[in-house]
């Protein structure tokens, strides 16, 4: 199991915007149980699930106006 944390920019305090919400939805649709926080989104899943989620998260975020996405993946 690995832990995925990602941040989608631009960041607007208190207003995540469609670029953030689209990435969150993509992560959930990929099978990750993620927690949305004020400075990032995090979840735990198998290596295969996390690896497969990176593409959909990236595509969804950029399709909705993201300017940068930062990913961190580490053992859970």
PDB file of N, CA and C in Angstrom:
ATOM      1  N   UNK A   1       0.848  -1.183   0.000  1.00  0.00           N
ATOM      2  CA  UNK A   1       0.000   0.000   0.000  1.00  0.00           C
ATOM      3  C   UNK A   1       0.897   1.251   0.000  1.00  0.00           C
ATOM      4  N   UNK A   2       0.416   2.263  -0.719  1.00  0.00           N
ATOM      5  CA  UNK A   2       1.135   3.527  -0.768  1.00  0.00           C
ATOM      6  C   UNK A   2       0.169   4.671  -0.467  1.00  0.00           C
ATOM      7  N   UNK A   3       0.741   5.760  -0.039  1.00  0.00           N
ATOM      8  CA  UNK A   3      -0.043   6.966   0.258  1.00  0.00           C
ATOM      9  C   UNK A   3       0.219   7.970  -0.858  1.00  0.00           C
ATOM     10  N   UNK A   4      -0.845   8.473  -1.448  1.00  0.00           N
ATOM     11  CA  UNK A   4      -0.773   9.502  -2.477  1.00  0.00           C
ATOM     12  C   UNK A   4      -1.266  10.808  -1.884  1.00  0.00           C
ATOM     13  N   UNK A   5      -0.500  11.853  -2.073  1.00  0.00           N
ATOM     14  CA  UNK A   5      -0.943  13.188  -1.712  1.00  0.00           C
ATOM     15  C   UNK A   5      -0.736  14.072  -2.928  1.00  0.00           C
ATOM     16  N   UNK A   6      -1.730  14.884  -3.241  1.00  0.00           N
ATOM     17  CA  UNK A   6      -1.568  15.789  -4.370  1.00  0.00           C
ATOM     18  C   UNK A   6      -2.182  17.146  -4.085  1.00  0.00           C
ATOM     19  N   UNK A   7      -1.584  18.144  -4.708  1.00  0.00           N
ATOM     20  CA  UNK A   7      -2.040  19.520  -4.608  1.00  0.00           C
ATOM     21  C   UNK A   7      -2.236  20.054  -6.014  1.00  0.00           C
ATOM     22  N   UNK A   8      -3.363  20.698  -6.231  1.00  0.00           N
ATOM     23  CA  UNK A   8      -3.686  21.254  -7.541  1.00  0.00           C
ATOM     24  C   UNK A   8      -3.734  22.774  -7.404  1.00  0.00           C
ATOM     25  N   UNK A   9      -3.024  23.438  -8.283  1.00  0.00           N
ATOM     26  CA  UNK A   9      -2.996  24.901  -8.266  1.00  0.00           C
ATOM     27  C   UNK A   9      -3.666  25.447  -9.516  1.00  0.00           C
ATOM     28  N   UNK A  10      -4.172  26.662  -9.503  1.00  0.00           N
ATOM     29  CA  UNK A  10      -3.934  27.679  -8.486  1.00  0.00           C
ATOM     30  C   UNK A  10      -4.756  27.426  -7.225  1.00  0.00           C
ATOM     31  N   UNK A  11      -4.207  27.874  -6.123  1.00  0.00           N
ATOM     32  CA  UNK A  11      -4.828  27.710  -4.817  1.00  0.00           C
ATOM     33  C   UNK A  11      -5.610  28.972  -4.482  1.00  0.00           C
ATOM     34  N   UNK A  12      -6.867  28.791  -4.101  1.00  0.00           N
ATOM     35  CA  UNK A  12      -7.713  29.900  -3.655  1.00  0.00           C
ATOM     36  C   UNK A  12      -8.308  29.502  -2.313  1.00  0.00           C
ATOM     37  N   UNK A  13      -7.869  30.122  -1.257  1.00  0.00           N
ATOM     38  CA  UNK A  13      -8.296  29.799   0.101  1.00  0.00           C
ATOM     39  C   UNK A  13      -9.824  29.813   0.215  1.00  0.00           C
ATOM     40  N   UNK A  14     -10.385  28.687   0.622  1.00  0.00           N
ATOM     41  CA  UNK A  14     -11.822  28.581   0.827  1.00  0.00           C
ATOM     42  C   UNK A  14     -12.643  28.373  -0.424  1.00  0.00           C
ATOM     43  N   UNK A  15     -11.993  28.325  -1.589  1.00  0.00           N
ATOM     44  CA  UNK A  15     -12.699  28.163  -2.859  1.00  0.00           C
ATOM     45  C   UNK A  15     -11.873  27.246  -3.754  1.00  0.00           C
ATOM     46  N   UNK A  16     -12.080  25.927  -3.648  1.00  0.00           N
ATOM     47  CA  UNK A  16     -11.197  25.006  -4.369  1.00  0.00           C
ATOM     48  C   UNK A  16     -11.261  25.107  -5.887  1.00  0.00           C
ATOM     49  N   UNK A  17     -12.336  25.551  -6.445  1.00  0.00           N
ATOM     50  CA  UNK A  17     -12.420  25.710  -7.889  1.00  0.00           C
ATOM     51  C   UNK A  17     -12.633  24.406  -8.631  1.00  0.00           C
ATOM     52  N   UNK A  18     -13.074  24.499  -9.888  1.00  0.00           N
ATOM     53  CA  UNK A  18     -13.380  23.303 -10.669  1.00  0.00           C
ATOM     54  C   UNK A  18     -12.162  22.440 -10.960  1.00  0.00           C
ATOM     55  N   UNK A  19     -10.988  23.023 -11.054  1.00  0.00           N
ATOM     56  CA  UNK A  19      -9.774  22.251 -11.321  1.00  0.00           C
ATOM     57  C   UNK A  19      -9.444  21.311 -10.158  1.00  0.00           C
ATOM     58  N   UNK A  20      -9.684  21.766  -8.945  1.00  0.00           N
ATOM     59  CA  UNK A  20      -9.437  20.942  -7.758  1.00  0.00           C
ATOM     60  C   UNK A  20     -10.523  19.879  -7.614  1.00  0.00           C
ATOM     61  N   UNK A  21     -11.765  20.284  -7.769  1.00  0.00           N
ATOM     62  CA  UNK A  21     -12.875  19.340  -7.608  1.00  0.00           C
ATOM     63  C   UNK A  21     -12.848  18.249  -8.677  1.00  0.00           C
ATOM     64  N   UNK A  22     -12.438  18.597  -9.894  1.00  0.00           N
ATOM     65  CA  UNK A  22     -12.338  17.590 -10.957  1.00  0.00           C
ATOM     66  C   UNK A  22     -11.261  16.562 -10.623  1.00  0.00           C
ATOM     67  N   UNK A  23     -10.139  17.009 -10.080  1.00  0.00           N
ATOM     68  CA  UNK A  23      -9.075  16.085  -9.685  1.00  0.00           C
ATOM     69  C   UNK A  23      -9.543  15.184  -8.552  1.00  0.00           C
ATOM     70  N   UNK A  24     -10.255  15.747  -7.599  1.00  0.00           N
ATOM     71  CA  UNK A  24     -10.804  14.972  -6.486  1.00  0.00           C
ATOM     72  C   UNK A  24     -11.774  13.912  -6.993  1.00  0.00           C
ATOM     73  N   UNK A  25     -12.673  14.290  -7.886  1.00  0.00           N
ATOM     74  CA  UNK A  25     -13.615  13.335  -8.469  1.00  0.00           C
ATOM     75  C   UNK A  25     -12.894  12.231  -9.238  1.00  0.00           C
ATOM     76  N   UNK A  26     -11.846  12.597  -9.975  1.00  0.00           N
ATOM     77  CA  UNK A  26     -11.081  11.607 -10.744  1.00  0.00           C
ATOM     78  C   UNK A  26     -10.394  10.617  -9.814  1.00  0.00           C
ATOM     79  N   UNK A  27      -9.871  11.103  -8.711  1.00  0.00           N
ATOM     80  CA  UNK A  27      -9.222  10.208  -7.744  1.00  0.00           C
ATOM     81  C   UNK A  27     -10.226   9.222  -7.171  1.00  0.00           C
ATOM     82  N   UNK A  28     -11.383   9.702  -6.834  1.00  0.00           N
ATOM     83  CA  UNK A  28     -12.432   8.812  -6.289  1.00  0.00           C
ATOM     84  C   UNK A  28     -12.920   7.829  -7.347  1.00  0.00           C
ATOM     85  N   UNK A  29     -13.081   8.291  -8.569  1.00  0.00           N
ATOM     86  CA  UNK A  29     -13.528   7.404  -9.651  1.00  0.00           C
ATOM     87  C   UNK A  29     -12.500   6.322  -9.945  1.00  0.00           C
ATOM     88  N   UNK A  30     -11.233   6.619  -9.672  1.00  0.00           N
ATOM     89  CA  UNK A  30     -10.167   5.632  -9.897  1.00  0.00           C
ATOM     90  C   UNK A  30     -10.095   4.601  -8.771  1.00  0.00           C
ATOM     91  N   UNK A  31     -10.917   4.786  -7.745  1.00  0.00           N
ATOM     92  CA  UNK A  31     -10.961   3.795  -6.671  1.00  0.00           C
ATOM     93  C   UNK A  31     -10.227   4.186  -5.409  1.00  0.00           C
ATOM     94  N   UNK A  32      -9.774   5.440  -5.322  1.00  0.00           N
ATOM     95  CA  UNK A  32      -9.076   5.881  -4.115  1.00  0.00           C
ATOM     96  C   UNK A  32     -10.071   6.483  -3.129  1.00  0.00           C
ATOM     97  N   UNK A  33      -9.904   6.145  -1.871  1.00  0.00           N
ATOM     98  CA  UNK A  33     -10.662   6.765  -0.796  1.00  0.00           C
ATOM     99  C   UNK A  33      -9.814   7.934  -0.330  1.00  0.00           C
ATOM    100  N   UNK A  34     -10.147   9.145  -0.770  1.00  0.00           N
ATOM    101  CA  UNK A  34      -9.303  10.299  -0.500  1.00  0.00           C
ATOM    102  C   UNK A  34      -9.959  11.255   0.480  1.00  0.00           C
ATOM    103  N   UNK A  35      -9.110  11.939   1.219  1.00  0.00           N
ATOM    104  CA  UNK A  35      -9.546  12.984   2.139  1.00  0.00           C
ATOM    105  C   UNK A  35      -9.110  14.319   1.559  1.00  0.00           C
ATOM    106  N   UNK A  36     -10.060  15.215   1.418  1.00  0.00           N
ATOM    107  CA  UNK A  36      -9.792  16.532   0.862  1.00  0.00           C
ATOM    108  C   UNK A  36      -9.458  17.483   2.001  1.00  0.00           C
ATOM    109  N   UNK A  37      -8.310  18.149   1.879  1.00  0.00           N
ATOM    110  CA  UNK A  37      -7.899  19.092   2.908  1.00  0.00           C
ATOM    111  C   UNK A  37      -7.619  20.463   2.323  1.00  0.00           C
ATOM    112  N   UNK A  38      -7.366  21.441   3.168  1.00  0.00           N
ATOM    113  CA  UNK A  38      -7.168  22.803   2.690  1.00  0.00           C
ATOM    114  C   UNK A  38      -5.893  22.992   1.860  1.00  0.00           C
ATOM    115  N   UNK A  39      -4.920  22.128   2.036  1.00  0.00           N
ATOM    116  CA  UNK A  39      -3.658  22.278   1.308  1.00  0.00           C
ATOM    117  C   UNK A  39      -3.310  21.079   0.446  1.00  0.00           C
ATOM    118  N   UNK A  40      -4.233  20.134   0.317  1.00  0.00           N
ATOM    119  CA  UNK A  40      -3.974  18.970  -0.512  1.00  0.00           C
ATOM    120  C   UNK A  40      -5.010  17.893  -0.292  1.00  0.00           C
ATOM    121  N   UNK A  41      -4.901  16.874  -1.108  1.00  0.00           N
ATOM    122  CA  UNK A  41      -5.794  15.727  -1.055  1.00  0.00           C
ATOM    123  C   UNK A  41      -4.929  14.499  -0.855  1.00  0.00           C
ATOM    124  N   UNK A  42      -5.338  13.591   0.024  1.00  0.00           N
ATOM    125  CA  UNK A  42      -4.527  12.416   0.313  1.00  0.00           C
ATOM    126  C   UNK A  42      -5.395  11.170   0.405  1.00  0.00           C
ATOM    127  N   UNK A  43      -4.794  10.049   0.034  1.00  0.00           N
ATOM    128  CA  UNK A  43      -5.470   8.769   0.130  1.00  0.00           C
ATOM    129  C   UNK A  43      -4.462   7.640   0.094  1.00  0.00           C
ATOM    130  N   UNK A  44      -4.928   6.459   0.440  1.00  0.00           N
ATOM    131  CA  UNK A  44      -4.089   5.265   0.461  1.00  0.00           C
ATOM    132  C   UNK A  44      -4.695   4.220  -0.455  1.00  0.00           C
ATOM    133  N   UNK A  45      -3.851   3.546  -1.201  1.00  0.00           N
ATOM    134  CA  UNK A  45      -4.309   2.481  -2.074  1.00  0.00           C
ATOM    135  C   UNK A  45      -3.164   1.595  -2.483  1.00  0.00           C
ATOM    136  N   UNK A  46      -3.477   0.579  -3.225  1.00  0.00           N
ATOM    137  CA  UNK A  46      -2.414  -0.292  -3.723  1.00  0.00           C
ATOM    138  C   UNK A  46      -1.565   0.494  -4.719  1.00  0.00           C
ATOM    139  N   UNK A  47      -0.378   0.024  -4.942  1.00  0.00           N
ATOM    140  CA  UNK A  47       0.504   0.678  -5.908  1.00  0.00           C
ATOM    141  C   UNK A  47      -0.157   0.754  -7.275  1.00  0.00           C
ATOM    142  N   UNK A  48      -0.852  -0.304  -7.660  1.00  0.00           N
ATOM    143  CA  UNK A  48      -1.500  -0.346  -8.967  1.00  0.00           C
ATOM    144  C   UNK A  48      -2.614   0.686  -9.080  1.00  0.00           C
ATOM    145  N   UNK A  49      -3.430   0.803  -8.037  1.00  0.00           N
ATOM    146  CA  UNK A  49      -4.538   1.757  -8.061  1.00  0.00           C
ATOM    147  C   UNK A  49      -4.001   3.193  -8.098  1.00  0.00           C
ATOM    148  N   UNK A  50      -3.011   3.483  -7.271  1.00  0.00           N
ATOM    149  CA  UNK A  50      -2.445   4.833  -7.243  1.00  0.00           C
ATOM    150  C   UNK A  50      -1.803   5.164  -8.585  1.00  0.00           C
ATOM    151  N   UNK A  51      -1.025   4.254  -9.132  1.00  0.00           N
ATOM    152  CA  UNK A  51      -0.373   4.507 -10.420  1.00  0.00           C
ATOM    153  C   UNK A  51      -1.404   4.743 -11.522  1.00  0.00           C
ATOM    154  N   UNK A  52      -2.474   3.978 -11.515  1.00  0.00           N
ATOM    155  CA  UNK A  52      -3.511   4.127 -12.529  1.00  0.00           C
ATOM    156  C   UNK A  52      -4.297   5.419 -12.348  1.00  0.00           C
ATOM    157  N   UNK A  53      -4.345   5.958 -11.143  1.00  0.00           N
ATOM    158  CA  UNK A  53      -5.102   7.176 -10.866  1.00  0.00           C
ATOM    159  C   UNK A  53      -4.371   8.442 -11.311  1.00  0.00           C
ATOM    160  N   UNK A  54      -3.059   8.394 -11.430  1.00  0.00           N
ATOM    161  CA  UNK A  54      -2.294   9.607 -11.731  1.00  0.00           C
ATOM    162  C   UNK A  54      -2.695  10.242 -13.064  1.00  0.00           C
ATOM    163  N   UNK A  55      -2.891   9.444 -14.084  1.00  0.00           N
ATOM    164  CA  UNK A  55      -3.289   9.973 -15.388  1.00  0.00           C
ATOM    165  C   UNK A  55      -4.647  10.652 -15.358  1.00  0.00           C
ATOM    166  N   UNK A  56      -5.685   9.983 -14.869  1.00  0.00           N
ATOM    167  CA  UNK A  56      -7.001  10.619 -14.802  1.00  0.00           C
ATOM    168  C   UNK A  56      -7.032  11.875 -13.929  1.00  0.00           C
ATOM    169  N   UNK A  57      -6.305  11.865 -12.822  1.00  0.00           N
ATOM    170  CA  UNK A  57      -6.252  13.056 -11.973  1.00  0.00           C
ATOM    171  C   UNK A  57      -5.631  14.217 -12.748  1.00  0.00           C
ATOM    172  N   UNK A  58      -4.529  13.935 -13.417  1.00  0.00           N
ATOM    173  CA  UNK A  58      -3.822  14.968 -14.180  1.00  0.00           C
ATOM    174  C   UNK A  58      -4.694  15.515 -15.301  1.00  0.00           C
ATOM    175  N   UNK A  59      -5.301  14.630 -16.074  1.00  0.00           N
ATOM    176  CA  UNK A  59      -6.140  15.072 -17.194  1.00  0.00           C
ATOM    177  C   UNK A  59      -7.328  15.907 -16.709  1.00  0.00           C
ATOM    178  N   UNK A  60      -7.983  15.459 -15.643  1.00  0.00           N
ATOM    179  CA  UNK A  60      -9.152  16.173 -15.132  1.00  0.00           C
ATOM    180  C   UNK A  60      -8.767  17.558 -14.617  1.00  0.00           C
ATOM    181  N   UNK A  61      -7.685  17.639 -13.876  1.00  0.00           N
ATOM    182  CA  UNK A  61      -7.273  18.925 -13.314  1.00  0.00           C
ATOM    183  C   UNK A  61      -6.933  19.928 -14.417  1.00  0.00           C
ATOM    184  N   UNK A  62      -6.123  19.516 -15.389  1.00  0.00           N
ATOM    185  CA  UNK A  62      -5.730  20.440 -16.457  1.00  0.00           C
ATOM    186  C   UNK A  62      -6.901  20.788 -17.375  1.00  0.00           C
ATOM    187  N   UNK A  63      -7.820  19.863 -17.554  1.00  0.00           N
ATOM    188  CA  UNK A  63      -8.987  20.150 -18.385  1.00  0.00           C
ATOM    189  C   UNK A  63      -9.886  21.211 -17.747  1.00  0.00           C
ATOM    190  N   UNK A  64      -9.735  21.412 -16.438  1.00  0.00           N
ATOM    191  CA  UNK A  64     -10.578  22.372 -15.726  1.00  0.00           C
ATOM    192  C   UNK A  64      -9.798  23.580 -15.206  1.00  0.00           C
ATOM    193  N   UNK A  65      -8.616  23.822 -15.761  1.00  0.00           N
ATOM    194  CA  UNK A  65      -7.914  25.061 -15.456  1.00  0.00           C
ATOM    195  C   UNK A  65      -6.736  25.002 -14.513  1.00  0.00           C
ATOM    196  N   UNK A  66      -6.268  23.826 -14.155  1.00  0.00           N
ATOM    197  CA  UNK A  66      -5.096  23.743 -13.279  1.00  0.00           C
ATOM    198  C   UNK A  66      -3.874  24.338 -13.973  1.00  0.00           C
ATOM    199  N   UNK A  67      -2.996  24.924 -13.166  1.00  0.00           N
ATOM    200  CA  UNK A  67      -1.738  25.446 -13.685  1.00  0.00           C
ATOM    201  C   UNK A  67      -0.547  24.630 -13.200  1.00  0.00           C
ATOM    202  N   UNK A  68      -0.765  23.812 -12.183  1.00  0.00           N
ATOM    203  CA  UNK A  68       0.307  22.967 -11.641  1.00  0.00           C
ATOM    204  C   UNK A  68      -0.315  21.896 -10.759  1.00  0.00           C
ATOM    205  N   UNK A  69       0.282  20.700 -10.792  1.00  0.00           N
ATOM    206  CA  UNK A  69      -0.133  19.605  -9.926  1.00  0.00           C
ATOM    207  C   UNK A  69       1.131  19.036  -9.288  1.00  0.00           C
ATOM    208  N   UNK A  70       1.101  18.866  -7.991  1.00  0.00           N
ATOM    209  CA  UNK A  70       2.226  18.266  -7.295  1.00  0.00           C
ATOM    210  C   UNK A  70       1.764  16.961  -6.664  1.00  0.00           C
ATOM    211  N   UNK A  71       2.499  15.878  -6.950  1.00  0.00           N
ATOM    212  CA  UNK A  71       2.194  14.562  -6.405  1.00  0.00           C
ATOM    213  C   UNK A  71       3.304  14.120  -5.457  1.00  0.00           C
ATOM    214  N   UNK A  72       2.928  13.447  -4.394  1.00  0.00           N
ATOM    215  CA  UNK A  72       3.865  12.745  -3.524  1.00  0.00           C
ATOM    216  C   UNK A  72       3.309  11.346  -3.318  1.00  0.00           C
ATOM    217  N   UNK A  73       4.168  10.357  -3.496  1.00  0.00           N
ATOM    218  CA  UNK A  73       3.777   8.978  -3.266  1.00  0.00           C
ATOM    219  C   UNK A  73       4.828   8.351  -2.362  1.00  0.00           C
ATOM    220  N   UNK A  74       4.371   7.705  -1.289  1.00  0.00           N
ATOM    221  CA  UNK A  74       5.295   7.089  -0.345  1.00  0.00           C
ATOM    222  C   UNK A  74       4.638   5.848   0.257  1.00  0.00           C
ATOM    223  N   UNK A  75       5.434   4.948   0.809  1.00  0.00           N
ATOM    224  CA  UNK A  75       4.849   3.774   1.451  1.00  0.00           C
ATOM    225  C   UNK A  75       3.872   4.198   2.560  1.00  0.00           C
ATOM    226  N   UNK A  76       2.780   3.473   2.642  1.00  0.00           N
ATOM    227  CA  UNK A  76       1.761   3.800   3.659  1.00  0.00           C
ATOM    228  C   UNK A  76       2.167   3.239   5.012  1.00  0.00           C
TER     229      UNK A  76
END
